[in-house]
Amino acid sequence: MIWLIGCGQMSIDYSRVLEAQNQSYLVIGRGKESAENFELATGKSVVTGGLESFLMKKPELPIAVIVSVGVEQLYSSTVQLLEYGVKSILVEKPGALIKTQLEHVQELCRSSNADVFIAYNRRFFASTETAREMIARDGGATSFNFEFTEWSHVIEKLDKPKEVLENWFLANSTHVTDLAFFLGGAPKEVASFTSGSLPWHQAASSFAGAGISETGALFNYAANWESAGRWSVEVLTKENRYVLRPMESLQVQKRGTIPQEGVEIDDKLDRDFKPGLYKQVQSFLKGDYCYLCDIHEQSMMFDVYEKIAGHSH
């Protein structure tokens, strides 16, 4: 049996994948309204009352758990599950909003021999998979760049807790940075600059920086949350420039040519389900962890993320 914690929209997406993979699972939610919405969308009943109440009934340990609750509850839910004895957890990004929390989860994993993975589903896009293969064929990335501009006029209207909005880069924009470093190599050195602020994100509103990855690829990034823009990742090799903009698609610009040509990708799973989710869940449940972001990797990246976001200098 698998447990799915949470019954919001993301959990509905997970439910559809679990159904398609013929998995036996139990849904544990909190509120009545979200449970009713979930049941209406999926036809699957929800155990309400929250995780803590559920665990007090001493249920039999599951083979795996997917944690898909609000960002502010990810850490506490993961800790409760680890302390209960769960050995395999896939938790929505970013896993926690404070580094000490990630370190605590790390310590619990070590002491109980458990695995926790952060659900960065863009690693499993068909476009990412194709780009990764083509980049490797070219001999690897020599440089890369990315943009994580967020639409502040949309975000400021969202019904999100203050702590989540204040950590929006971690809670949302790391989808882009994680993908960029996944394809181009983890950062070895990074210089970051920020300016401006927003009522809901005091740390900064404009971001720029550059560095070198552990594989020797140079990288740079930019974002301006008070202007126009969109998410994008570009990876350059000695032969080609690979462009993920939007990230569900892939274009290639060959050396010595001007046009960017679309690359044919088999993205049926990304069209049938929330993009990346089917293969991410499949990898997690099969124990094929090669392309998943584990808690130790996320903890190591946290200082870099804080620096990019302008939370520390």
C-alpha atoms as a PDB file:
ATOM      1  CA  MET A   1       0.000   0.000   0.000  1.00  0.00           C
ATOM      2  CA  ILE A   2       1.130   3.545  -0.845  1.00  0.00           C
ATOM      3  CA  TRP A   3       0.018   6.601   1.090  1.00  0.00           C
ATOM      4  CA  LEU A   4      -0.760   9.882  -0.670  1.00  0.00           C
ATOM      5  CA  ILE A   5      -0.724  12.727   1.844  1.00  0.00           C
ATOM      6  CA  GLY A   6      -2.823  15.734   0.854  1.00  0.00           C
ATOM      7  CA  CYS A   7      -5.886  16.111  -1.349  1.00  0.00           C
ATOM      8  CA  GLY A   8      -5.319  19.373  -3.265  1.00  0.00           C
ATOM      9  CA  GLN A   9      -4.863  19.745  -7.029  1.00  0.00           C
ATOM     10  CA  MET A  10      -1.347  18.297  -7.001  1.00  0.00           C
ATOM     11  CA  SER A  11      -2.631  15.212  -5.176  1.00  0.00           C
ATOM     12  CA  ILE A  12      -5.349  14.837  -7.816  1.00  0.00           C
ATOM     13  CA  ASP A  13      -2.571  14.767 -10.422  1.00  0.00           C
ATOM     14  CA  TYR A  14      -0.676  12.142  -8.406  1.00  0.00           C
ATOM     15  CA  SER A  15      -3.858  10.100  -8.006  1.00  0.00           C
ATOM     16  CA  ARG A  16      -4.353   9.937 -11.772  1.00  0.00           C
ATOM     17  CA  VAL A  17      -0.806   8.651 -12.214  1.00  0.00           C
ATOM     18  CA  LEU A  18      -1.148   6.054  -9.435  1.00  0.00           C
ATOM     19  CA  GLU A  19      -4.403   4.836 -10.989  1.00  0.00           C
ATOM     20  CA  ALA A  20      -2.776   4.545 -14.414  1.00  0.00           C
ATOM     21  CA  GLN A  21       0.078   2.541 -12.879  1.00  0.00           C
ATOM     22  CA  ASN A  22      -2.411   0.225 -11.111  1.00  0.00           C
ATOM     23  CA  GLN A  23      -1.056   1.078  -7.679  1.00  0.00           C
ATOM     24  CA  SER A  24      -2.935   0.388  -4.461  1.00  0.00           C
ATOM     25  CA  TYR A  25      -2.983   3.599  -2.412  1.00  0.00           C
ATOM     26  CA  LEU A  26      -4.682   5.391   0.441  1.00  0.00           C
ATOM     27  CA  VAL A  27      -5.347   9.159   0.431  1.00  0.00           C
ATOM     28  CA  ILE A  28      -4.966  11.044   3.721  1.00  0.00           C
ATOM     29  CA  GLY A  29      -6.227  14.645   3.832  1.00  0.00           C
ATOM     30  CA  ARG A  30      -7.244  17.271   6.364  1.00  0.00           C
ATOM     31  CA  GLY A  31     -10.198  19.445   5.452  1.00  0.00           C
ATOM     32  CA  LYS A  32     -13.659  18.337   4.385  1.00  0.00           C
ATOM     33  CA  GLU A  33     -13.943  20.721   1.416  1.00  0.00           C
ATOM     34  CA  SER A  34     -10.677  19.692  -0.260  1.00  0.00           C
ATOM     35  CA  ALA A  35     -11.530  16.022   0.399  1.00  0.00           C
ATOM     36  CA  GLU A  36     -14.892  16.452  -1.340  1.00  0.00           C
ATOM     37  CA  ASN A  37     -13.224  18.164  -4.307  1.00  0.00           C
ATOM     38  CA  PHE A  38     -10.682  15.344  -4.505  1.00  0.00           C
ATOM     39  CA  GLU A  39     -13.374  12.658  -4.401  1.00  0.00           C
ATOM     40  CA  LEU A  40     -15.385  14.480  -7.065  1.00  0.00           C
ATOM     41  CA  ALA A  41     -12.338  14.704  -9.361  1.00  0.00           C
ATOM     42  CA  THR A  42     -10.986  11.188  -8.845  1.00  0.00           C
ATOM     43  CA  GLY A  43     -13.782   9.017  -7.463  1.00  0.00           C
ATOM     44  CA  LYS A  44     -11.376   8.009  -4.698  1.00  0.00           C
ATOM     45  CA  SER A  45     -12.352   8.431  -1.039  1.00  0.00           C
ATOM     46  CA  VAL A  46     -10.169  10.388   1.411  1.00  0.00           C
ATOM     47  CA  VAL A  47      -9.326   9.657   5.041  1.00  0.00           C
ATOM     48  CA  THR A  48      -9.857  13.099   6.612  1.00  0.00           C
ATOM     49  CA  GLY A  49      -8.610  14.568   9.891  1.00  0.00           C
ATOM     50  CA  GLY A  50      -4.966  14.981   8.904  1.00  0.00           C
ATOM     51  CA  LEU A  51      -1.799  12.895   9.075  1.00  0.00           C
ATOM     52  CA  GLU A  52      -1.232  13.145  12.828  1.00  0.00           C
ATOM     53  CA  SER A  53      -4.714  11.849  13.602  1.00  0.00           C
ATOM     54  CA  PHE A  54      -4.286   9.065  11.040  1.00  0.00           C
ATOM     55  CA  LEU A  55      -0.961   7.903  12.516  1.00  0.00           C
ATOM     56  CA  MET A  56      -2.473   7.756  16.010  1.00  0.00           C
ATOM     57  CA  LYS A  57      -4.563   4.824  14.773  1.00  0.00           C
ATOM     58  CA  LYS A  58      -1.320   2.878  14.233  1.00  0.00           C
ATOM     59  CA  PRO A  59      -1.837   1.869  10.591  1.00  0.00           C
ATOM     60  CA  GLU A  60       0.426  -0.734   8.987  1.00  0.00           C
ATOM     61  CA  LEU A  61       3.558   0.781   7.427  1.00  0.00           C
ATOM     62  CA  PRO A  62       3.235   1.591   3.703  1.00  0.00           C
ATOM     63  CA  ILE A  63       5.831   0.612   1.106  1.00  0.00           C
ATOM     64  CA  ALA A  64       6.134   4.283   0.084  1.00  0.00           C
ATOM     65  CA  VAL A  65       4.580   7.708   0.726  1.00  0.00           C
ATOM     66  CA  ILE A  66       4.011  10.720  -1.538  1.00  0.00           C
ATOM     67  CA  VAL A  67       3.714  13.990   0.399  1.00  0.00           C
ATOM     68  CA  SER A  68       1.701  16.570  -1.540  1.00  0.00           C
ATOM     69  CA  VAL A  69       0.534  19.090   1.054  1.00  0.00           C
ATOM     70  CA  GLY A  70       0.978  22.879   1.260  1.00  0.00           C
ATOM     71  CA  VAL A  71       4.605  24.059   1.179  1.00  0.00           C
ATOM     72  CA  GLU A  72       4.434  25.177   4.814  1.00  0.00           C
ATOM     73  CA  GLN A  73       3.438  21.638   5.915  1.00  0.00           C
ATOM     74  CA  LEU A  74       5.969  19.620   3.890  1.00  0.00           C
ATOM     75  CA  TYR A  75       8.641  19.479   6.592  1.00  0.00           C
ATOM     76  CA  SER A  76       6.370  18.573   9.510  1.00  0.00           C
ATOM     77  CA  SER A  77       4.600  15.880   7.464  1.00  0.00           C
ATOM     78  CA  THR A  78       7.907  14.333   6.388  1.00  0.00           C
ATOM     79  CA  VAL A  79       9.232  14.295   9.963  1.00  0.00           C
ATOM     80  CA  GLN A  80       6.061  12.635  11.270  1.00  0.00           C
ATOM     81  CA  LEU A  81       6.350   9.928   8.627  1.00  0.00           C
ATOM     82  CA  LEU A  82      10.045   9.276   9.270  1.00  0.00           C
ATOM     83  CA  GLU A  83       9.475   9.108  13.024  1.00  0.00           C
ATOM     84  CA  TYR A  84       6.637   6.646  12.411  1.00  0.00           C
ATOM     85  CA  GLY A  85       9.066   4.393  10.523  1.00  0.00           C
ATOM     86  CA  VAL A  86       8.333   5.082   6.851  1.00  0.00           C
ATOM     87  CA  LYS A  87      11.406   4.243   4.736  1.00  0.00           C
ATOM     88  CA  SER A  88      10.631   5.755   1.324  1.00  0.00           C
ATOM     89  CA  ILE A  89       9.168   9.244   0.815  1.00  0.00           C
ATOM     90  CA  LEU A  90       8.677  11.473  -2.223  1.00  0.00           C
ATOM     91  CA  VAL A  91       7.937  14.996  -1.005  1.00  0.00           C
ATOM     92  CA  GLU A  92       6.930  18.003  -3.089  1.00  0.00           C
ATOM     93  CA  LYS A  93       9.513  20.712  -3.639  1.00  0.00           C
ATOM     94  CA  PRO A  94      11.287  22.319  -1.858  1.00  0.00           C
ATOM     95  CA  GLY A  95      10.915  19.853   1.032  1.00  0.00           C
ATOM     96  CA  ALA A  96      11.369  22.578   3.649  1.00  0.00           C
ATOM     97  CA  LEU A  97      11.796  26.361   3.822  1.00  0.00           C
ATOM     98  CA  ILE A  98      14.676  26.470   6.332  1.00  0.00           C
ATOM     99  CA  LYS A  99      18.048  24.736   6.020  1.00  0.00           C
ATOM    100  CA  THR A 100      18.008  23.421   9.595  1.00  0.00           C
ATOM    101  CA  GLN A 101      14.758  21.644   8.755  1.00  0.00           C
ATOM    102  CA  LEU A 102      16.347  19.929   5.745  1.00  0.00           C
ATOM    103  CA  GLU A 103      19.318  18.973   7.927  1.00  0.00           C
ATOM    104  CA  HIS A 104      16.937  17.485  10.494  1.00  0.00           C
ATOM    105  CA  VAL A 105      15.263  15.377   7.786  1.00  0.00           C
ATOM    106  CA  GLN A 106      18.732  14.329   6.590  1.00  0.00           C
ATOM    107  CA  GLU A 107      19.666  13.212  10.096  1.00  0.00           C
ATOM    108  CA  LEU A 108      16.425  11.246  10.476  1.00  0.00           C
ATOM    109  CA  CYS A 109      17.131   9.530   7.132  1.00  0.00           C
ATOM    110  CA  ARG A 110      20.614   8.542   8.272  1.00  0.00           C
ATOM    111  CA  SER A 111      19.533   7.268  11.679  1.00  0.00           C
ATOM    112  CA  SER A 112      16.591   5.246  10.333  1.00  0.00           C
ATOM    113  CA  ASN A 113      18.110   4.201   6.980  1.00  0.00           C
ATOM    114  CA  ALA A 114      15.269   5.903   5.087  1.00  0.00           C
ATOM    115  CA  ASP A 115      15.164   7.671   1.697  1.00  0.00           C
ATOM    116  CA  VAL A 116      13.557  11.049   1.044  1.00  0.00           C
ATOM    117  CA  PHE A 117      13.368  12.547  -2.449  1.00  0.00           C
ATOM    118  CA  ILE A 118      12.290  16.035  -3.556  1.00  0.00           C
ATOM    119  CA  ALA A 119       9.731  15.999  -6.371  1.00  0.00           C
ATOM    120  CA  TYR A 120      11.217  18.150  -9.137  1.00  0.00           C
ATOM    121  CA  ASN A 121       9.023  16.785 -11.924  1.00  0.00           C
ATOM    122  CA  ARG A 122      10.716  18.834 -14.671  1.00  0.00           C
ATOM    123  CA  ARG A 123      13.663  16.431 -14.483  1.00  0.00           C
ATOM    124  CA  PHE A 124      11.280  13.876 -15.993  1.00  0.00           C
ATOM    125  CA  PHE A 125       9.807  15.927 -18.849  1.00  0.00           C
ATOM    126  CA  ALA A 126      10.143  14.223 -22.239  1.00  0.00           C
ATOM    127  CA  SER A 127      11.927  17.409 -23.386  1.00  0.00           C
ATOM    128  CA  THR A 128      14.436  17.100 -20.528  1.00  0.00           C
ATOM    129  CA  GLU A 129      15.054  13.421 -21.231  1.00  0.00           C
ATOM    130  CA  THR A 130      15.726  14.145 -24.913  1.00  0.00           C
ATOM    131  CA  ALA A 131      17.916  17.166 -24.120  1.00  0.00           C
ATOM    132  CA  ARG A 132      19.942  15.157 -21.597  1.00  0.00           C
ATOM    133  CA  GLU A 133      20.655  12.448 -24.193  1.00  0.00           C
ATOM    134  CA  MET A 134      21.588  14.974 -26.894  1.00  0.00           C
ATOM    135  CA  ILE A 135      23.832  16.969 -24.571  1.00  0.00           C
ATOM    136  CA  ALA A 136      25.642  13.774 -23.516  1.00  0.00           C
ATOM    137  CA  ARG A 137      26.059  12.790 -27.194  1.00  0.00           C
ATOM    138  CA  ASP A 138      27.716  16.165 -27.827  1.00  0.00           C
ATOM    139  CA  GLY A 139      30.224  15.580 -25.026  1.00  0.00           C
ATOM    140  CA  GLY A 140      28.407  17.470 -22.267  1.00  0.00           C
ATOM    141  CA  ALA A 141      27.556  21.085 -21.479  1.00  0.00           C
ATOM    142  CA  THR A 142      30.225  23.738 -21.939  1.00  0.00           C
ATOM    143  CA  SER A 143      27.978  26.556 -20.689  1.00  0.00           C
ATOM    144  CA  PHE A 144      24.353  27.194 -19.764  1.00  0.00           C
ATOM    145  CA  ASN A 145      21.995  29.969 -18.751  1.00  0.00           C
ATOM    146  CA  PHE A 146      18.568  30.192 -17.184  1.00  0.00           C
ATOM    147  CA  GLU A 147      15.822  32.682 -16.346  1.00  0.00           C
ATOM    148  CA  PHE A 148      13.339  32.322 -13.493  1.00  0.00           C
ATOM    149  CA  THR A 149      11.220  35.444 -13.903  1.00  0.00           C
ATOM    150  CA  GLU A 150       7.982  35.146 -11.899  1.00  0.00           C
ATOM    151  CA  TRP A 151       4.800  37.083 -12.631  1.00  0.00           C
ATOM    152  CA  SER A 152       4.466  39.165  -9.476  1.00  0.00           C
ATOM    153  CA  HIS A 153       1.105  40.631 -10.555  1.00  0.00           C
ATOM    154  CA  VAL A 154      -0.285  37.068 -10.442  1.00  0.00           C
ATOM    155  CA  ILE A 155       1.560  35.812  -7.362  1.00  0.00           C
ATOM    156  CA  GLU A 156       0.571  38.748  -5.133  1.00  0.00           C
ATOM    157  CA  LYS A 157      -3.086  37.714  -5.543  1.00  0.00           C
ATOM    158  CA  LEU A 158      -2.496  34.079  -4.553  1.00  0.00           C
ATOM    159  CA  ASP A 159      -3.936  32.818  -1.289  1.00  0.00           C
ATOM    160  CA  LYS A 160      -0.612  31.659   0.142  1.00  0.00           C
ATOM    161  CA  PRO A 161       0.868  31.975   3.662  1.00  0.00           C
ATOM    162  CA  LYS A 162       3.299  34.884   4.187  1.00  0.00           C
ATOM    163  CA  GLU A 163       6.217  32.501   4.845  1.00  0.00           C
ATOM    164  CA  VAL A 164       5.647  30.792   1.483  1.00  0.00           C
ATOM    165  CA  LEU A 165       5.520  34.074  -0.465  1.00  0.00           C
ATOM    166  CA  GLU A 166       8.649  35.329   1.319  1.00  0.00           C
ATOM    167  CA  ASN A 167      10.410  32.151   0.189  1.00  0.00           C
ATOM    168  CA  TRP A 168       8.889  32.063  -3.299  1.00  0.00           C
ATOM    169  CA  PHE A 169      12.207  31.389  -4.987  1.00  0.00           C
ATOM    170  CA  LEU A 170      12.609  28.214  -2.922  1.00  0.00           C
ATOM    171  CA  ALA A 171       8.946  27.252  -3.103  1.00  0.00           C
ATOM    172  CA  ASN A 172       8.577  27.736  -6.854  1.00  0.00           C
ATOM    173  CA  SER A 173      11.521  29.141  -8.841  1.00  0.00           C
ATOM    174  CA  THR A 174      13.833  26.278  -7.867  1.00  0.00           C
ATOM    175  CA  HIS A 175      11.944  24.273 -10.502  1.00  0.00           C
ATOM    176  CA  VAL A 176      14.079  26.209 -13.004  1.00  0.00           C
ATOM    177  CA  THR A 177      17.391  26.263 -11.139  1.00  0.00           C
ATOM    178  CA  ASP A 178      17.153  22.568 -10.295  1.00  0.00           C
ATOM    179  CA  LEU A 179      16.582  21.732 -13.962  1.00  0.00           C
ATOM    180  CA  ALA A 180      19.444  23.974 -15.128  1.00  0.00           C
ATOM    181  CA  PHE A 181      21.936  22.415 -12.707  1.00  0.00           C
ATOM    182  CA  PHE A 182      20.559  18.919 -13.436  1.00  0.00           C
ATOM    183  CA  LEU A 183      21.423  19.378 -17.131  1.00  0.00           C
ATOM    184  CA  GLY A 184      24.534  21.577 -16.846  1.00  0.00           C
ATOM    185  CA  GLY A 185      26.160  20.324 -13.647  1.00  0.00           C
ATOM    186  CA  ALA A 186      25.886  21.272  -9.982  1.00  0.00           C
ATOM    187  CA  PRO A 187      27.359  24.682  -9.091  1.00  0.00           C
ATOM    188  CA  LYS A 188      30.938  24.712  -7.805  1.00  0.00           C
ATOM    189  CA  GLU A 189      31.186  28.507  -7.481  1.00  0.00           C
ATOM    190  CA  VAL A 190      28.517  31.176  -7.869  1.00  0.00           C
ATOM    191  CA  ALA A 191      28.469  34.976  -7.600  1.00  0.00           C
ATOM    192  CA  SER A 192      24.998  36.415  -6.998  1.00  0.00           C
ATOM    193  CA  PHE A 193      23.570  39.937  -7.172  1.00  0.00           C
ATOM    194  CA  THR A 194      20.122  41.200  -6.238  1.00  0.00           C
ATOM    195  CA  SER A 195      18.238  44.486  -6.145  1.00  0.00           C
ATOM    196  CA  GLY A 196      14.752  45.810  -5.454  1.00  0.00           C
ATOM    197  CA  SER A 197      11.979  44.289  -3.371  1.00  0.00           C
ATOM    198  CA  LEU A 198       8.288  43.472  -3.493  1.00  0.00           C
ATOM    199  CA  PRO A 199       5.679  43.814  -0.728  1.00  0.00           C
ATOM    200  CA  TRP A 200       5.433  40.011  -0.567  1.00  0.00           C
ATOM    201  CA  HIS A 201       9.115  39.281  -1.296  1.00  0.00           C
ATOM    202  CA  GLN A 202      11.261  41.784   0.575  1.00  0.00           C
ATOM    203  CA  ALA A 203      14.588  40.048  -0.144  1.00  0.00           C
ATOM    204  CA  ALA A 204      14.742  41.092  -3.824  1.00  0.00           C
ATOM    205  CA  SER A 205      12.821  41.535  -7.062  1.00  0.00           C
ATOM    206  CA  SER A 206      15.672  41.438  -9.582  1.00  0.00           C
ATOM    207  CA  PHE A 207      18.323  38.746  -9.722  1.00  0.00           C
ATOM    208  CA  ALA A 208      21.527  38.116 -11.682  1.00  0.00           C
ATOM    209  CA  GLY A 209      24.568  35.937 -11.272  1.00  0.00           C
ATOM    210  CA  ALA A 210      27.165  33.655 -12.785  1.00  0.00           C
ATOM    211  CA  GLY A 211      29.408  30.780 -11.870  1.00  0.00           C
ATOM    212  CA  ILE A 212      31.053  27.520 -12.829  1.00  0.00           C
ATOM    213  CA  SER A 213      29.657  24.033 -12.438  1.00  0.00           C
ATOM    214  CA  GLU A 214      31.455  20.998 -11.054  1.00  0.00           C
ATOM    215  CA  THR A 215      31.774  19.724 -14.619  1.00  0.00           C
ATOM    216  CA  GLY A 216      33.549  22.939 -15.672  1.00  0.00           C
ATOM    217  CA  ALA A 217      30.619  24.511 -17.523  1.00  0.00           C
ATOM    218  CA  LEU A 218      30.198  28.270 -17.082  1.00  0.00           C
ATOM    219  CA  PHE A 219      26.682  29.482 -16.306  1.00  0.00           C
ATOM    220  CA  ASN A 220      24.734  32.681 -15.826  1.00  0.00           C
ATOM    221  CA  TYR A 221      21.194  33.498 -14.783  1.00  0.00           C
ATOM    222  CA  ALA A 222      18.788  36.423 -14.530  1.00  0.00           C
ATOM    223  CA  ALA A 223      15.245  37.220 -13.446  1.00  0.00           C
ATOM    224  CA  ASN A 224      13.209  40.371 -12.970  1.00  0.00           C
ATOM    225  CA  TRP A 225       9.991  39.882 -11.041  1.00  0.00           C
ATOM    226  CA  GLU A 226       8.848  43.455 -11.754  1.00  0.00           C
ATOM    227  CA  SER A 227       9.101  43.142 -15.533  1.00  0.00           C
ATOM    228  CA  ALA A 228       8.225  40.786 -18.377  1.00  0.00           C
ATOM    229  CA  GLY A 229       9.765  37.385 -18.874  1.00  0.00           C
ATOM    230  CA  ARG A 230       9.300  33.658 -18.498  1.00  0.00           C
ATOM    231  CA  TRP A 231      11.066  30.537 -17.307  1.00  0.00           C
ATOM    232  CA  SER A 232      13.751  29.151 -19.595  1.00  0.00           C
ATOM    233  CA  VAL A 233      16.880  27.004 -19.647  1.00  0.00           C
ATOM    234  CA  GLU A 234      19.509  26.997 -22.408  1.00  0.00           C
ATOM    235  CA  VAL A 235      22.387  24.516 -22.501  1.00  0.00           C
ATOM    236  CA  LEU A 236      25.298  24.942 -24.917  1.00  0.00           C
ATOM    237  CA  THR A 237      27.670  22.217 -26.076  1.00  0.00           C
ATOM    238  CA  LYS A 238      30.537  22.322 -28.574  1.00  0.00           C
ATOM    239  CA  GLU A 239      28.010  21.466 -31.285  1.00  0.00           C
ATOM    240  CA  ASN A 240      24.605  22.904 -30.390  1.00  0.00           C
ATOM    241  CA  ARG A 241      22.476  25.191 -28.249  1.00  0.00           C
ATOM    242  CA  TYR A 242      19.512  23.443 -26.620  1.00  0.00           C
ATOM    243  CA  VAL A 243      16.595  25.663 -25.641  1.00  0.00           C
ATOM    244  CA  LEU A 244      13.828  24.706 -23.225  1.00  0.00           C
ATOM    245  CA  ARG A 245      11.389  27.625 -23.539  1.00  0.00           C
ATOM    246  CA  PRO A 246       8.698  26.634 -22.667  1.00  0.00           C
ATOM    247  CA  MET A 247      10.226  23.759 -20.764  1.00  0.00           C
ATOM    248  CA  GLU A 248       7.805  21.208 -22.181  1.00  0.00           C
ATOM    249  CA  SER A 249       9.369  21.707 -25.621  1.00  0.00           C
ATOM    250  CA  LEU A 250      12.913  21.493 -26.996  1.00  0.00           C
ATOM    251  CA  GLN A 251      14.550  23.546 -29.733  1.00  0.00           C
ATOM    252  CA  VAL A 252      18.065  23.161 -31.075  1.00  0.00           C
ATOM    253  CA  GLN A 253      20.307  25.741 -32.760  1.00  0.00           C
ATOM    254  CA  LYS A 254      23.178  24.096 -34.591  1.00  0.00           C
ATOM    255  CA  ARG A 255      26.604  25.716 -34.601  1.00  0.00           C
ATOM    256  CA  GLY A 256      27.006  28.015 -37.598  1.00  0.00           C
ATOM    257  CA  THR A 257      23.250  28.390 -38.156  1.00  0.00           C
ATOM    258  CA  ILE A 258      20.663  30.991 -37.132  1.00  0.00           C
ATOM    259  CA  PRO A 259      17.281  29.223 -36.827  1.00  0.00           C
ATOM    260  CA  GLN A 260      16.191  27.268 -33.798  1.00  0.00           C
ATOM    261  CA  GLU A 261      14.543  24.064 -34.935  1.00  0.00           C
ATOM    262  CA  GLY A 262      11.990  22.101 -32.932  1.00  0.00           C
ATOM    263  CA  VAL A 263      13.070  18.637 -31.806  1.00  0.00           C
ATOM    264  CA  GLU A 264      10.519  15.845 -32.060  1.00  0.00           C
ATOM    265  CA  ILE A 265       9.879  14.334 -28.630  1.00  0.00           C
ATOM    266  CA  ASP A 266       7.627  11.530 -27.489  1.00  0.00           C
ATOM    267  CA  ASP A 267       5.615  13.543 -24.974  1.00  0.00           C
ATOM    268  CA  LYS A 268       2.414  11.479 -24.833  1.00  0.00           C
ATOM    269  CA  LEU A 269       2.763  10.896 -21.070  1.00  0.00           C
ATOM    270  CA  ASP A 270       3.315  14.628 -20.527  1.00  0.00           C
ATOM    271  CA  ARG A 271       0.108  15.363 -22.419  1.00  0.00           C
ATOM    272  CA  ASP A 272      -1.951  12.661 -20.733  1.00  0.00           C
ATOM    273  CA  PHE A 273      -0.806  13.531 -17.189  1.00  0.00           C
ATOM    274  CA  LYS A 274       0.775  16.487 -15.439  1.00  0.00           C
ATOM    275  CA  PRO A 275       4.119  16.782 -17.303  1.00  0.00           C
ATOM    276  CA  GLY A 276       6.936  14.718 -15.784  1.00  0.00           C
ATOM    277  CA  LEU A 277       4.745  13.170 -13.107  1.00  0.00           C
ATOM    278  CA  TYR A 278       4.215   9.710 -14.610  1.00  0.00           C
ATOM    279  CA  LYS A 279       7.912   8.906 -15.023  1.00  0.00           C
ATOM    280  CA  GLN A 280       8.851  10.576 -11.737  1.00  0.00           C
ATOM    281  CA  VAL A 281       6.408   8.377  -9.788  1.00  0.00           C
ATOM    282  CA  GLN A 282       7.419   5.331 -11.809  1.00  0.00           C
ATOM    283  CA  SER A 283      11.118   5.882 -11.011  1.00  0.00           C
ATOM    284  CA  PHE A 284      10.385   6.467  -7.332  1.00  0.00           C
ATOM    285  CA  LEU A 285       8.240   3.354  -6.899  1.00  0.00           C
ATOM    286  CA  LYS A 286      10.629   1.135  -8.885  1.00  0.00           C
ATOM    287  CA  GLY A 287      13.576   2.266  -6.757  1.00  0.00           C
ATOM    288  CA  ASP A 288      15.261   3.752  -9.832  1.00  0.00           C
ATOM    289  CA  TYR A 289      16.610   6.822  -8.041  1.00  0.00           C
ATOM    290  CA  CYS A 290      19.258   7.882 -10.579  1.00  0.00           C
ATOM    291  CA  TYR A 291      17.512  11.080 -11.714  1.00  0.00           C
ATOM    292  CA  LEU A 292      15.627  11.934  -8.517  1.00  0.00           C
ATOM    293  CA  CYS A 293      16.781  14.755  -6.223  1.00  0.00           C
ATOM    294  CA  ASP A 294      17.459  13.244  -2.797  1.00  0.00           C
ATOM    295  CA  ILE A 295      17.374  15.106   0.513  1.00  0.00           C
ATOM    296  CA  HIS A 296      21.188  15.267   0.686  1.00  0.00           C
ATOM    297  CA  GLU A 297      21.456  16.954  -2.726  1.00  0.00           C
ATOM    298  CA  GLN A 298      18.718  19.427  -1.781  1.00  0.00           C
ATOM    299  CA  SER A 299      20.454  20.238   1.496  1.00  0.00           C
ATOM    300  CA  MET A 300      23.757  20.875  -0.309  1.00  0.00           C
ATOM    301  CA  MET A 301      21.997  23.173  -2.793  1.00  0.00           C
ATOM    302  CA  PHE A 302      20.212  25.155  -0.099  1.00  0.00           C
ATOM    303  CA  ASP A 303      23.021  27.670   0.512  1.00  0.00           C
ATOM    304  CA  VAL A 304      23.223  28.379  -3.225  1.00  0.00           C
ATOM    305  CA  TYR A 305      19.468  28.875  -3.403  1.00  0.00           C
ATOM    306  CA  GLU A 306      19.513  31.249  -0.441  1.00  0.00           C
ATOM    307  CA  LYS A 307      22.287  33.240  -2.097  1.00  0.00           C
ATOM    308  CA  ILE A 308      20.481  33.465  -5.454  1.00  0.00           C
ATOM    309  CA  ALA A 309      17.231  34.486  -3.729  1.00  0.00           C
ATOM    310  CA  GLY A 310      18.989  37.292  -1.844  1.00  0.00           C
ATOM    311  CA  HIS A 311      18.347  35.788   1.587  1.00  0.00           C
ATOM    312  CA  SER A 312      22.069  35.777   2.374  1.00  0.00           C
ATOM    313  CA  HIS A 313      25.124  37.440   0.902  1.00  0.00           C
END
